[in-house]
Amino acid sequence: MTAIVVRIAALTAIYLAVLSSLHPADIVIGALLSTVLVAVGARIRGPGRRPEAPPGTTPWGRLAGVPALIGFTVLDMCRGSWTVARHCLGRPTTPGYVSMPIERHRPATATAWAIRVGLSPDTVVVDVDDEHGTLVLHVLDVRDPDAVRRDQVASYERAQRRVFP
């Protein structure tokens, strides 16, 4: 019961922050929308089923990794911006596709990785194939696909694994 109240309060707080308003009507609407979202989420998930935490993780440990995740994501975005700027200034590139292996039965991990990778302007996620366990990227410079894979895996290891293992 406490978890439900916390979810409703958190969603309401996000709603009010986006609106930049503490008007009583906005609070009521936010609470109603949050309650509906939490109820629909619980219904989709099924009765008595709680989302499983990845093995070997704790909620506080995952939360402690969020600042590093944000910092490294911003760093990757800056590097990607620099690559695009050099391309625009005349540096020749070889754009193409690179297929990355991903763990098959971790959709949250694959989704978070795809979102994080897609934030960098020199990389676009083309496809996430959970059946084959691949993430297909369009990369601005693919002269060395193995180096692209190594960079992406290293980025995942240092930035994301702690939060989304």
N, C-alpha and C. Protein backbone atom coordinates (compact mmCIF):
# COMPACT_ATOMS: atom_id res chain seq x y z
N MET A 1 0.82 -1.19 0.00
CA MET A 1 0.00 0.00 0.00
C MET A 1 0.86 1.26 0.00
N THR A 2 1.95 1.21 0.78
CA THR A 2 2.85 2.37 0.83
C THR A 2 3.46 2.63 -0.54
N ALA A 3 3.82 1.57 -1.26
CA ALA A 3 4.42 1.73 -2.58
C ALA A 3 3.45 2.41 -3.54
N ILE A 4 2.18 2.09 -3.43
CA ILE A 4 1.17 2.70 -4.30
C ILE A 4 1.06 4.20 -4.01
N VAL A 5 1.02 4.55 -2.74
CA VAL A 5 0.93 5.96 -2.36
C VAL A 5 2.17 6.72 -2.82
N VAL A 6 3.34 6.10 -2.68
CA VAL A 6 4.58 6.75 -3.11
C VAL A 6 4.56 6.97 -4.62
N ARG A 7 4.11 5.98 -5.38
CA ARG A 7 4.04 6.13 -6.84
C ARG A 7 3.08 7.25 -7.23
N ILE A 8 1.92 7.29 -6.58
CA ILE A 8 0.95 8.34 -6.89
C ILE A 8 1.52 9.71 -6.54
N ALA A 9 2.16 9.82 -5.39
CA ALA A 9 2.75 11.10 -4.97
C ALA A 9 3.86 11.52 -5.93
N ALA A 10 4.70 10.57 -6.34
CA ALA A 10 5.80 10.91 -7.25
C ALA A 10 5.27 11.36 -8.61
N LEU A 11 4.30 10.64 -9.14
CA LEU A 11 3.73 11.03 -10.43
C LEU A 11 3.02 12.38 -10.34
N THR A 12 2.34 12.62 -9.24
CA THR A 12 1.68 13.92 -9.05
C THR A 12 2.72 15.03 -8.96
N ALA A 13 3.81 14.79 -8.26
CA ALA A 13 4.87 15.79 -8.16
C ALA A 13 5.47 16.10 -9.53
N ILE A 14 5.68 15.08 -10.34
CA ILE A 14 6.20 15.30 -11.69
C ILE A 14 5.21 16.11 -12.52
N TYR A 15 3.95 15.77 -12.42
CA TYR A 15 2.90 16.50 -13.14
C TYR A 15 2.90 17.98 -12.74
N LEU A 16 2.96 18.24 -11.44
CA LEU A 16 2.95 19.63 -10.97
C LEU A 16 4.23 20.36 -11.36
N ALA A 17 5.35 19.66 -11.37
CA ALA A 17 6.61 20.29 -11.78
C ALA A 17 6.57 20.68 -13.25
N VAL A 18 5.99 19.82 -14.08
CA VAL A 18 5.88 20.13 -15.50
C VAL A 18 4.95 21.31 -15.72
N LEU A 19 3.86 21.36 -14.95
CA LEU A 19 2.92 22.48 -15.07
C LEU A 19 3.46 23.76 -14.44
N SER A 20 4.40 23.64 -13.53
CA SER A 20 4.90 24.78 -12.74
C SER A 20 3.76 25.46 -12.00
N SER A 21 2.93 24.65 -11.38
CA SER A 21 1.75 25.19 -10.71
C SER A 21 1.44 24.38 -9.46
N LEU A 22 0.97 25.09 -8.44
CA LEU A 22 0.47 24.44 -7.23
C LEU A 22 -0.98 24.83 -6.97
N HIS A 23 -1.68 25.17 -8.02
CA HIS A 23 -3.09 25.51 -7.90
C HIS A 23 -3.85 24.27 -7.44
N PRO A 24 -4.80 24.42 -6.50
CA PRO A 24 -5.52 23.25 -5.98
C PRO A 24 -6.16 22.37 -7.06
N ALA A 25 -6.70 22.98 -8.09
CA ALA A 25 -7.32 22.18 -9.17
C ALA A 25 -6.27 21.35 -9.89
N ASP A 26 -5.07 21.91 -10.09
CA ASP A 26 -3.99 21.17 -10.74
C ASP A 26 -3.53 20.00 -9.87
N ILE A 27 -3.51 20.21 -8.57
CA ILE A 27 -3.12 19.13 -7.65
C ILE A 27 -4.13 17.99 -7.73
N VAL A 28 -5.42 18.34 -7.74
CA VAL A 28 -6.47 17.31 -7.81
C VAL A 28 -6.39 16.55 -9.14
N ILE A 29 -6.24 17.28 -10.24
CA ILE A 29 -6.14 16.62 -11.55
C ILE A 29 -4.90 15.74 -11.62
N GLY A 30 -3.78 16.24 -11.10
CA GLY A 30 -2.55 15.44 -11.08
C GLY A 30 -2.70 14.17 -10.27
N ALA A 31 -3.35 14.29 -9.11
CA ALA A 31 -3.56 13.10 -8.26
C ALA A 31 -4.49 12.10 -8.95
N LEU A 32 -5.53 12.60 -9.61
CA LEU A 32 -6.44 11.69 -10.32
C LEU A 32 -5.73 10.99 -11.48
N LEU A 33 -4.99 11.74 -12.28
CA LEU A 33 -4.25 11.13 -13.39
C LEU A 33 -3.23 10.11 -12.88
N SER A 34 -2.55 10.45 -11.81
CA SER A 34 -1.55 9.55 -11.24
C SER A 34 -2.20 8.27 -10.73
N THR A 35 -3.35 8.42 -10.09
CA THR A 35 -4.07 7.24 -9.58
C THR A 35 -4.49 6.33 -10.72
N VAL A 36 -4.98 6.92 -11.80
CA VAL A 36 -5.37 6.13 -12.96
C VAL A 36 -4.16 5.41 -13.55
N LEU A 37 -3.04 6.12 -13.69
CA LEU A 37 -1.83 5.50 -14.24
C LEU A 37 -1.34 4.34 -13.38
N VAL A 38 -1.33 4.54 -12.08
CA VAL A 38 -0.87 3.48 -11.18
C VAL A 38 -1.83 2.29 -11.23
N ALA A 39 -3.13 2.55 -11.28
CA ALA A 39 -4.11 1.46 -11.35
C ALA A 39 -3.99 0.69 -12.66
N VAL A 40 -3.83 1.39 -13.76
CA VAL A 40 -3.68 0.71 -15.06
C VAL A 40 -2.38 -0.09 -15.08
N GLY A 41 -1.32 0.48 -14.55
CA GLY A 41 -0.05 -0.25 -14.48
C GLY A 41 -0.15 -1.51 -13.65
N ALA A 42 -0.84 -1.43 -12.53
CA ALA A 42 -1.02 -2.61 -11.68
C ALA A 42 -1.88 -3.66 -12.38
N ARG A 43 -2.87 -3.20 -13.11
CA ARG A 43 -3.74 -4.14 -13.83
C ARG A 43 -2.98 -4.84 -14.96
N ILE A 44 -2.15 -4.11 -15.67
CA ILE A 44 -1.36 -4.70 -16.75
C ILE A 44 -0.37 -5.71 -16.19
N ARG A 45 0.27 -5.34 -15.11
CA ARG A 45 1.28 -6.21 -14.49
C ARG A 45 0.65 -7.47 -13.92
N GLY A 46 -0.56 -7.37 -13.44
CA GLY A 46 -1.25 -8.54 -12.88
C GLY A 46 -1.26 -8.50 -11.37
N PRO A 47 -2.21 -9.20 -10.75
CA PRO A 47 -2.33 -9.16 -9.30
C PRO A 47 -1.17 -9.88 -8.61
N GLY A 48 -0.64 -9.24 -7.61
CA GLY A 48 0.39 -9.85 -6.79
C GLY A 48 1.77 -9.92 -7.42
N ARG A 49 1.91 -9.49 -8.66
CA ARG A 49 3.22 -9.54 -9.31
C ARG A 49 3.93 -8.22 -9.12
N ARG A 50 5.14 -8.30 -8.65
CA ARG A 50 5.96 -7.11 -8.49
C ARG A 50 7.09 -7.20 -9.49
N PRO A 51 7.56 -6.08 -9.99
CA PRO A 51 8.69 -6.13 -10.91
C PRO A 51 9.91 -6.71 -10.21
N GLU A 52 10.59 -7.60 -10.89
CA GLU A 52 11.76 -8.24 -10.30
C GLU A 52 12.97 -7.32 -10.40
N ALA A 53 13.68 -7.22 -9.29
CA ALA A 53 14.93 -6.47 -9.31
C ALA A 53 16.00 -7.37 -9.92
N PRO A 54 16.89 -6.80 -10.72
CA PRO A 54 17.97 -7.62 -11.27
C PRO A 54 18.78 -8.24 -10.15
N PRO A 55 19.28 -9.46 -10.34
CA PRO A 55 20.05 -10.12 -9.28
C PRO A 55 21.30 -9.33 -8.93
N GLY A 56 21.60 -9.29 -7.64
CA GLY A 56 22.80 -8.62 -7.17
C GLY A 56 22.70 -7.11 -7.09
N THR A 57 21.47 -6.57 -7.16
CA THR A 57 21.32 -5.13 -7.07
C THR A 57 20.40 -4.77 -5.91
N THR A 58 20.57 -3.56 -5.44
CA THR A 58 19.67 -3.01 -4.42
C THR A 58 19.12 -1.70 -4.96
N PRO A 59 17.94 -1.31 -4.53
CA PRO A 59 17.39 -0.04 -5.02
C PRO A 59 18.32 1.15 -4.73
N TRP A 60 18.93 1.16 -3.55
CA TRP A 60 19.81 2.29 -3.21
C TRP A 60 21.08 2.27 -4.05
N GLY A 61 21.59 1.08 -4.34
CA GLY A 61 22.77 0.97 -5.19
C GLY A 61 22.49 1.44 -6.60
N ARG A 62 21.31 1.08 -7.11
CA ARG A 62 20.94 1.53 -8.45
C ARG A 62 20.73 3.04 -8.47
N LEU A 63 20.10 3.58 -7.42
CA LEU A 63 19.87 5.01 -7.34
C LEU A 63 21.19 5.78 -7.25
N ALA A 64 22.16 5.20 -6.54
CA ALA A 64 23.46 5.86 -6.41
C ALA A 64 24.19 5.92 -7.74
N GLY A 65 23.85 5.06 -8.69
CA GLY A 65 24.50 5.07 -10.00
C GLY A 65 23.91 6.08 -10.96
N VAL A 66 22.78 6.70 -10.61
CA VAL A 66 22.12 7.65 -11.51
C VAL A 66 22.99 8.87 -11.84
N PRO A 67 23.68 9.50 -10.86
CA PRO A 67 24.52 10.64 -11.23
C PRO A 67 25.61 10.27 -12.25
N ALA A 68 26.22 9.11 -12.10
CA ALA A 68 27.23 8.68 -13.07
C ALA A 68 26.59 8.43 -14.43
N LEU A 69 25.40 7.85 -14.43
CA LEU A 69 24.69 7.60 -15.69
C LEU A 69 24.42 8.92 -16.41
N ILE A 70 23.93 9.90 -15.69
CA ILE A 70 23.65 11.21 -16.29
C ILE A 70 24.94 11.86 -16.77
N GLY A 71 25.97 11.84 -15.94
CA GLY A 71 27.24 12.46 -16.31
C GLY A 71 27.87 11.84 -17.54
N PHE A 72 27.93 10.51 -17.58
CA PHE A 72 28.52 9.85 -18.74
C PHE A 72 27.66 10.01 -19.99
N THR A 73 26.35 10.09 -19.81
CA THR A 73 25.47 10.33 -20.97
C THR A 73 25.73 11.71 -21.54
N VAL A 74 25.87 12.71 -20.69
CA VAL A 74 26.19 14.06 -21.16
C VAL A 74 27.55 14.07 -21.85
N LEU A 75 28.52 13.36 -21.29
CA LEU A 75 29.85 13.27 -21.90
C LEU A 75 29.76 12.61 -23.28
N ASP A 76 29.00 11.53 -23.41
CA ASP A 76 28.82 10.89 -24.71
C ASP A 76 28.13 11.82 -25.70
N MET A 77 27.18 12.62 -25.22
CA MET A 77 26.51 13.58 -26.10
C MET A 77 27.48 14.64 -26.58
N CYS A 78 28.37 15.09 -25.71
CA CYS A 78 29.38 16.09 -26.11
C CYS A 78 30.35 15.51 -27.13
N ARG A 79 30.79 14.28 -26.91
CA ARG A 79 31.68 13.63 -27.88
C ARG A 79 30.98 13.47 -29.23
N GLY A 80 29.73 13.04 -29.20
CA GLY A 80 28.98 12.89 -30.44
C GLY A 80 28.78 14.22 -31.15
N SER A 81 28.54 15.28 -30.39
CA SER A 81 28.39 16.61 -30.98
C SER A 81 29.68 17.05 -31.64
N TRP A 82 30.80 16.76 -31.00
CA TRP A 82 32.10 17.10 -31.56
C TRP A 82 32.33 16.33 -32.87
N THR A 83 31.97 15.07 -32.90
CA THR A 83 32.11 14.27 -34.12
C THR A 83 31.26 14.85 -35.25
N VAL A 84 30.03 15.23 -34.95
CA VAL A 84 29.15 15.81 -35.96
C VAL A 84 29.70 17.16 -36.42
N ALA A 85 30.20 17.97 -35.50
CA ALA A 85 30.77 19.27 -35.87
C ALA A 85 31.96 19.09 -36.81
N ARG A 86 32.84 18.14 -36.50
CA ARG A 86 33.99 17.90 -37.38
C ARG A 86 33.52 17.43 -38.76
N HIS A 87 32.48 16.61 -38.78
CA HIS A 87 31.93 16.16 -40.06
C HIS A 87 31.39 17.35 -40.86
N CYS A 88 30.68 18.23 -40.19
CA CYS A 88 30.12 19.40 -40.87
C CYS A 88 31.20 20.35 -41.38
N LEU A 89 32.34 20.35 -40.72
CA LEU A 89 33.44 21.22 -41.14
C LEU A 89 34.32 20.58 -42.22
N GLY A 90 33.93 19.40 -42.69
CA GLY A 90 34.62 18.83 -43.83
C GLY A 90 35.36 17.54 -43.60
N ARG A 91 35.42 17.04 -42.38
CA ARG A 91 36.12 15.77 -42.15
C ARG A 91 35.31 14.64 -42.77
N PRO A 92 35.91 13.85 -43.64
CA PRO A 92 35.15 12.77 -44.27
C PRO A 92 34.81 11.66 -43.28
N THR A 93 33.62 11.13 -43.43
CA THR A 93 33.18 10.03 -42.58
C THR A 93 32.65 8.90 -43.45
N THR A 94 32.48 7.76 -42.83
CA THR A 94 31.93 6.59 -43.50
C THR A 94 30.72 6.12 -42.69
N PRO A 95 29.53 6.66 -42.97
CA PRO A 95 28.36 6.24 -42.20
C PRO A 95 27.96 4.81 -42.54
N GLY A 96 27.34 4.16 -41.57
CA GLY A 96 26.89 2.79 -41.81
C GLY A 96 26.22 2.21 -40.59
N TYR A 97 25.90 0.93 -40.68
CA TYR A 97 25.18 0.23 -39.62
C TYR A 97 26.11 -0.69 -38.85
N VAL A 98 25.88 -0.76 -37.55
CA VAL A 98 26.63 -1.66 -36.68
C VAL A 98 25.62 -2.42 -35.84
N SER A 99 25.79 -3.72 -35.77
CA SER A 99 24.92 -4.56 -34.97
C SER A 99 25.60 -4.85 -33.64
N MET A 100 24.90 -4.52 -32.55
CA MET A 100 25.44 -4.70 -31.20
C MET A 100 24.73 -5.87 -30.52
N PRO A 101 25.48 -6.77 -29.88
CA PRO A 101 24.81 -7.83 -29.12
C PRO A 101 24.25 -7.28 -27.81
N ILE A 102 23.03 -7.70 -27.46
CA ILE A 102 22.42 -7.31 -26.18
C ILE A 102 21.87 -8.56 -25.52
N GLU A 103 21.63 -8.46 -24.21
CA GLU A 103 21.02 -9.58 -23.50
C GLU A 103 19.55 -9.67 -23.89
N ARG A 104 19.11 -10.86 -24.18
CA ARG A 104 17.78 -11.05 -24.76
C ARG A 104 16.62 -10.77 -23.82
N HIS A 105 16.69 -11.22 -22.61
CA HIS A 105 15.52 -11.18 -21.74
C HIS A 105 15.58 -10.04 -20.74
N ARG A 106 16.16 -8.94 -21.14
CA ARG A 106 16.22 -7.74 -20.31
C ARG A 106 15.71 -6.54 -21.12
N PRO A 107 14.41 -6.46 -21.35
CA PRO A 107 13.91 -5.38 -22.19
C PRO A 107 14.15 -3.99 -21.60
N ALA A 108 14.11 -3.86 -20.29
CA ALA A 108 14.35 -2.54 -19.68
C ALA A 108 15.79 -2.10 -19.93
N THR A 109 16.73 -3.02 -19.85
CA THR A 109 18.13 -2.70 -20.09
C THR A 109 18.33 -2.29 -21.54
N ALA A 110 17.76 -3.06 -22.46
CA ALA A 110 17.90 -2.75 -23.89
C ALA A 110 17.25 -1.41 -24.22
N THR A 111 16.10 -1.15 -23.64
CA THR A 111 15.41 0.12 -23.89
C THR A 111 16.21 1.29 -23.36
N ALA A 112 16.72 1.17 -22.14
CA ALA A 112 17.52 2.26 -21.56
C ALA A 112 18.78 2.49 -22.37
N TRP A 113 19.42 1.41 -22.81
CA TRP A 113 20.63 1.55 -23.62
C TRP A 113 20.30 2.23 -24.95
N ALA A 114 19.20 1.82 -25.59
CA ALA A 114 18.81 2.42 -26.87
C ALA A 114 18.50 3.90 -26.71
N ILE A 115 17.83 4.27 -25.64
CA ILE A 115 17.52 5.69 -25.41
C ILE A 115 18.80 6.47 -25.18
N ARG A 116 19.68 5.92 -24.34
CA ARG A 116 20.93 6.61 -24.02
C ARG A 116 21.82 6.77 -25.25
N VAL A 117 21.92 5.71 -26.04
CA VAL A 117 22.74 5.77 -27.25
C VAL A 117 22.14 6.75 -28.25
N GLY A 118 20.82 6.77 -28.35
CA GLY A 118 20.15 7.65 -29.30
C GLY A 118 20.25 9.12 -28.95
N LEU A 119 20.62 9.45 -27.73
CA LEU A 119 20.78 10.85 -27.35
C LEU A 119 22.02 11.47 -27.97
N SER A 120 23.00 10.65 -28.30
CA SER A 120 24.22 11.14 -28.92
C SER A 120 23.94 11.45 -30.39
N PRO A 121 24.32 12.63 -30.87
CA PRO A 121 23.93 13.01 -32.23
C PRO A 121 24.63 12.24 -33.35
N ASP A 122 25.68 11.51 -33.05
CA ASP A 122 26.36 10.75 -34.11
C ASP A 122 25.89 9.31 -34.19
N THR A 123 24.92 8.93 -33.39
CA THR A 123 24.44 7.55 -33.35
C THR A 123 22.91 7.55 -33.30
N VAL A 124 22.30 6.71 -34.14
CA VAL A 124 20.85 6.58 -34.15
C VAL A 124 20.51 5.10 -34.02
N VAL A 125 19.60 4.79 -33.12
CA VAL A 125 19.15 3.41 -32.97
C VAL A 125 18.15 3.11 -34.08
N VAL A 126 18.43 2.08 -34.85
CA VAL A 126 17.57 1.71 -35.97
C VAL A 126 16.60 0.61 -35.57
N ASP A 127 17.08 -0.37 -34.81
CA ASP A 127 16.23 -1.51 -34.47
C ASP A 127 16.74 -2.17 -33.20
N VAL A 128 15.80 -2.63 -32.39
CA VAL A 128 16.12 -3.47 -31.24
C VAL A 128 15.42 -4.79 -31.48
N ASP A 129 16.20 -5.84 -31.70
CA ASP A 129 15.65 -7.16 -31.99
C ASP A 129 15.88 -8.05 -30.78
N ASP A 130 14.84 -8.20 -29.96
CA ASP A 130 14.97 -8.99 -28.74
C ASP A 130 15.09 -10.48 -29.04
N GLU A 131 14.49 -10.93 -30.14
CA GLU A 131 14.57 -12.35 -30.49
C GLU A 131 16.00 -12.78 -30.81
N HIS A 132 16.70 -11.95 -31.57
CA HIS A 132 18.08 -12.28 -31.95
C HIS A 132 19.10 -11.67 -31.00
N GLY A 133 18.65 -10.83 -30.09
CA GLY A 133 19.55 -10.22 -29.12
C GLY A 133 20.50 -9.22 -29.75
N THR A 134 19.97 -8.35 -30.63
CA THR A 134 20.81 -7.35 -31.27
C THR A 134 20.18 -5.96 -31.20
N LEU A 135 21.04 -4.99 -31.20
CA LEU A 135 20.66 -3.58 -31.26
C LEU A 135 21.38 -3.04 -32.49
N VAL A 136 20.64 -2.57 -33.49
CA VAL A 136 21.25 -2.08 -34.73
C VAL A 136 21.36 -0.56 -34.64
N LEU A 137 22.57 -0.06 -34.83
CA LEU A 137 22.84 1.37 -34.76
C LEU A 137 23.27 1.90 -36.12
N HIS A 138 22.87 3.12 -36.43
CA HIS A 138 23.45 3.83 -37.57
C HIS A 138 24.47 4.79 -36.98
N VAL A 139 25.70 4.63 -37.40
CA VAL A 139 26.81 5.39 -36.83
C VAL A 139 27.39 6.29 -37.91
N LEU A 140 27.80 7.48 -37.55
CA LEU A 140 28.33 8.45 -38.50
C LEU A 140 29.66 7.99 -39.10
N ASP A 141 30.48 7.33 -38.32
CA ASP A 141 31.78 6.87 -38.82
C ASP A 141 31.97 5.40 -38.44
N VAL A 142 31.83 4.52 -39.41
CA VAL A 142 31.86 3.09 -39.14
C VAL A 142 33.05 2.40 -39.83
N ARG A 143 34.14 3.13 -39.99
CA ARG A 143 35.32 2.52 -40.62
C ARG A 143 35.81 1.31 -39.85
N ASP A 144 35.65 1.33 -38.53
CA ASP A 144 36.06 0.20 -37.69
C ASP A 144 34.87 -0.22 -36.82
N PRO A 145 34.02 -1.14 -37.32
CA PRO A 145 32.83 -1.53 -36.55
C PRO A 145 33.15 -2.15 -35.20
N ASP A 146 34.27 -2.87 -35.12
CA ASP A 146 34.65 -3.47 -33.84
C ASP A 146 34.98 -2.40 -32.80
N ALA A 147 35.61 -1.31 -33.24
CA ALA A 147 35.91 -0.20 -32.32
C ALA A 147 34.62 0.45 -31.85
N VAL A 148 33.64 0.57 -32.74
CA VAL A 148 32.34 1.14 -32.35
C VAL A 148 31.69 0.24 -31.30
N ARG A 149 31.73 -1.07 -31.52
CA ARG A 149 31.16 -2.01 -30.54
C ARG A 149 31.88 -1.91 -29.20
N ARG A 150 33.21 -1.87 -29.25
CA ARG A 150 33.99 -1.76 -28.00
C ARG A 150 33.64 -0.47 -27.26
N ASP A 151 33.54 0.64 -27.99
CA ASP A 151 33.20 1.92 -27.36
C ASP A 151 31.81 1.87 -26.73
N GLN A 152 30.86 1.29 -27.44
CA GLN A 152 29.49 1.21 -26.92
C GLN A 152 29.42 0.31 -25.69
N VAL A 153 30.11 -0.83 -25.72
CA VAL A 153 30.11 -1.73 -24.57
C VAL A 153 30.81 -1.08 -23.38
N ALA A 154 31.93 -0.39 -23.64
CA ALA A 154 32.63 0.31 -22.56
C ALA A 154 31.75 1.40 -21.96
N SER A 155 31.03 2.11 -22.81
CA SER A 155 30.12 3.15 -22.33
C SER A 155 29.01 2.54 -21.47
N TYR A 156 28.48 1.40 -21.91
CA TYR A 156 27.45 0.71 -21.13
C TYR A 156 28.01 0.27 -19.78
N GLU A 157 29.19 -0.32 -19.80
CA GLU A 157 29.80 -0.84 -18.56
C GLU A 157 30.03 0.28 -17.54
N ARG A 158 30.56 1.41 -17.99
CA ARG A 158 30.92 2.45 -17.03
C ARG A 158 29.72 3.30 -16.61
N ALA A 159 28.73 3.43 -17.48
CA ALA A 159 27.65 4.36 -17.18
C ALA A 159 26.34 3.71 -16.78
N GLN A 160 25.98 2.64 -17.43
CA GLN A 160 24.61 2.16 -17.29
C GLN A 160 24.46 0.89 -16.47
N ARG A 161 25.45 0.04 -16.43
CA ARG A 161 25.29 -1.28 -15.81
C ARG A 161 24.83 -1.20 -14.37
N ARG A 162 25.27 -0.20 -13.64
CA ARG A 162 24.90 -0.11 -12.22
C ARG A 162 23.41 0.22 -12.04
N VAL A 163 22.86 1.00 -12.95
CA VAL A 163 21.46 1.41 -12.83
C VAL A 163 20.52 0.43 -13.53
N PHE A 164 20.90 0.01 -14.74
CA PHE A 164 20.11 -0.95 -15.53
C PHE A 164 21.00 -2.14 -15.89
N PRO A 165 21.20 -3.07 -14.96
CA PRO A 165 22.11 -4.19 -15.25
C PRO A 165 21.55 -5.15 -16.30
